[in-house]
Amino acid sequence: MKTYKDLNHNLWAYPLDGSQDHLIPSDFILITEEEADVIRAEKFAKHLAENPVNKPTKEQLLVELQKLTAKIDALNND
């Protein structure tokens, strides 16, 4: 695949065989896979910053563990 970026740093990929070259806008910029990886990493970091993953606290995990342990114990009593 040939990778291009637009003016907003969105990535676009087209086949190497040139079969879709007529669809590539004139303002797209051909970039290397390394450059594409940098853009992907930046976009991923931005996504994580805008959508933080809520990690459970130790206390929340312990409560879940207690619930699961109770379910396991109930299965053993059947």
Protein backbone atom coordinates (compact mmCIF):
# COMPACT_ATOMS: atom_id res chain seq x y z
CA MET A 1 0.00 0.00 0.00
CA LYS A 2 0.99 3.59 -0.62
CA THR A 3 0.15 5.80 2.33
CA TYR A 4 -0.82 9.43 2.02
CA LYS A 5 -1.77 12.11 4.50
CA ASP A 6 -4.21 14.91 3.90
CA LEU A 7 -3.89 18.47 5.18
CA ASN A 8 -5.49 17.43 8.49
CA HIS A 9 -3.01 14.58 8.98
CA ASN A 10 -5.62 11.90 8.28
CA LEU A 11 -4.11 8.82 6.68
CA TRP A 12 -5.20 7.26 3.40
CA ALA A 13 -3.89 4.09 1.75
CA TYR A 14 -3.99 3.10 -1.91
CA PRO A 15 -2.78 -0.03 -3.74
CA LEU A 16 0.81 -0.11 -4.96
CA ASP A 17 -0.30 -1.20 -8.43
CA GLY A 18 -1.56 2.30 -9.26
CA SER A 19 -5.08 1.08 -10.03
CA GLN A 20 -6.60 3.78 -7.83
CA ASP A 21 -4.11 6.59 -8.38
CA HIS A 22 -6.77 8.54 -10.25
CA LEU A 23 -8.70 8.76 -6.97
CA ILE A 24 -5.86 10.38 -5.01
CA PRO A 25 -6.57 14.10 -4.43
CA SER A 26 -3.83 16.44 -5.58
CA ASP A 27 -3.33 17.85 -2.08
CA PHE A 28 -2.55 14.45 -0.54
CA ILE A 29 1.09 13.94 0.43
CA LEU A 30 2.82 10.60 -0.08
CA ILE A 31 4.52 9.52 3.15
CA THR A 32 6.63 6.64 4.37
CA GLU A 33 5.29 3.92 6.64
CA GLU A 34 7.49 5.34 9.43
CA GLU A 35 5.84 8.74 9.04
CA ALA A 36 2.43 7.07 9.08
CA ASP A 37 3.38 5.23 12.29
CA VAL A 38 4.23 8.57 13.94
CA ILE A 39 0.86 10.02 12.93
CA ARG A 40 -0.93 6.89 14.18
CA ALA A 41 0.89 7.11 17.53
CA GLU A 42 0.03 10.81 17.88
CA LYS A 43 -3.63 10.18 17.06
CA PHE A 44 -3.76 7.25 19.49
CA ALA A 45 -2.21 9.34 22.27
CA LYS A 46 -4.71 12.12 21.58
CA HIS A 47 -7.58 9.62 21.64
CA LEU A 48 -6.43 8.25 25.00
CA ALA A 49 -6.09 11.76 26.42
CA GLU A 50 -9.62 12.63 25.28
CA ASN A 51 -11.08 9.26 26.35
CA PRO A 52 -9.25 8.18 29.49
CA VAL A 53 -9.54 4.58 30.48
CA ASN A 54 -11.05 4.32 33.92
CA LYS A 55 -8.88 1.86 35.74
CA PRO A 56 -10.53 0.19 38.72
CA THR A 57 -9.08 0.82 42.14
CA LYS A 58 -7.69 -1.95 44.31
CA GLU A 59 -10.77 -1.72 46.50
CA GLN A 60 -13.11 -2.12 43.51
CA LEU A 61 -11.19 -5.16 42.33
CA LEU A 62 -11.32 -6.70 45.80
CA VAL A 63 -15.11 -6.28 45.88
CA GLU A 64 -15.35 -7.98 42.47
CA LEU A 65 -13.08 -10.77 43.71
CA GLN A 66 -15.32 -11.30 46.73
CA LYS A 67 -18.38 -11.52 44.46
CA LEU A 68 -16.69 -14.04 42.19
CA THR A 69 -15.47 -16.08 45.15
CA ALA A 70 -19.03 -16.22 46.48
CA LYS A 71 -20.27 -17.44 43.08
CA ILE A 72 -17.58 -20.13 42.97
CA ASP A 73 -18.42 -21.22 46.50
CA ALA A 74 -22.09 -21.46 45.53
CA LEU A 75 -21.17 -23.73 42.62
CA ASN A 76 -19.22 -25.99 44.94
CA ASN A 77 -22.29 -26.36 47.16
CA ASP A 78 -24.51 -27.58 44.29
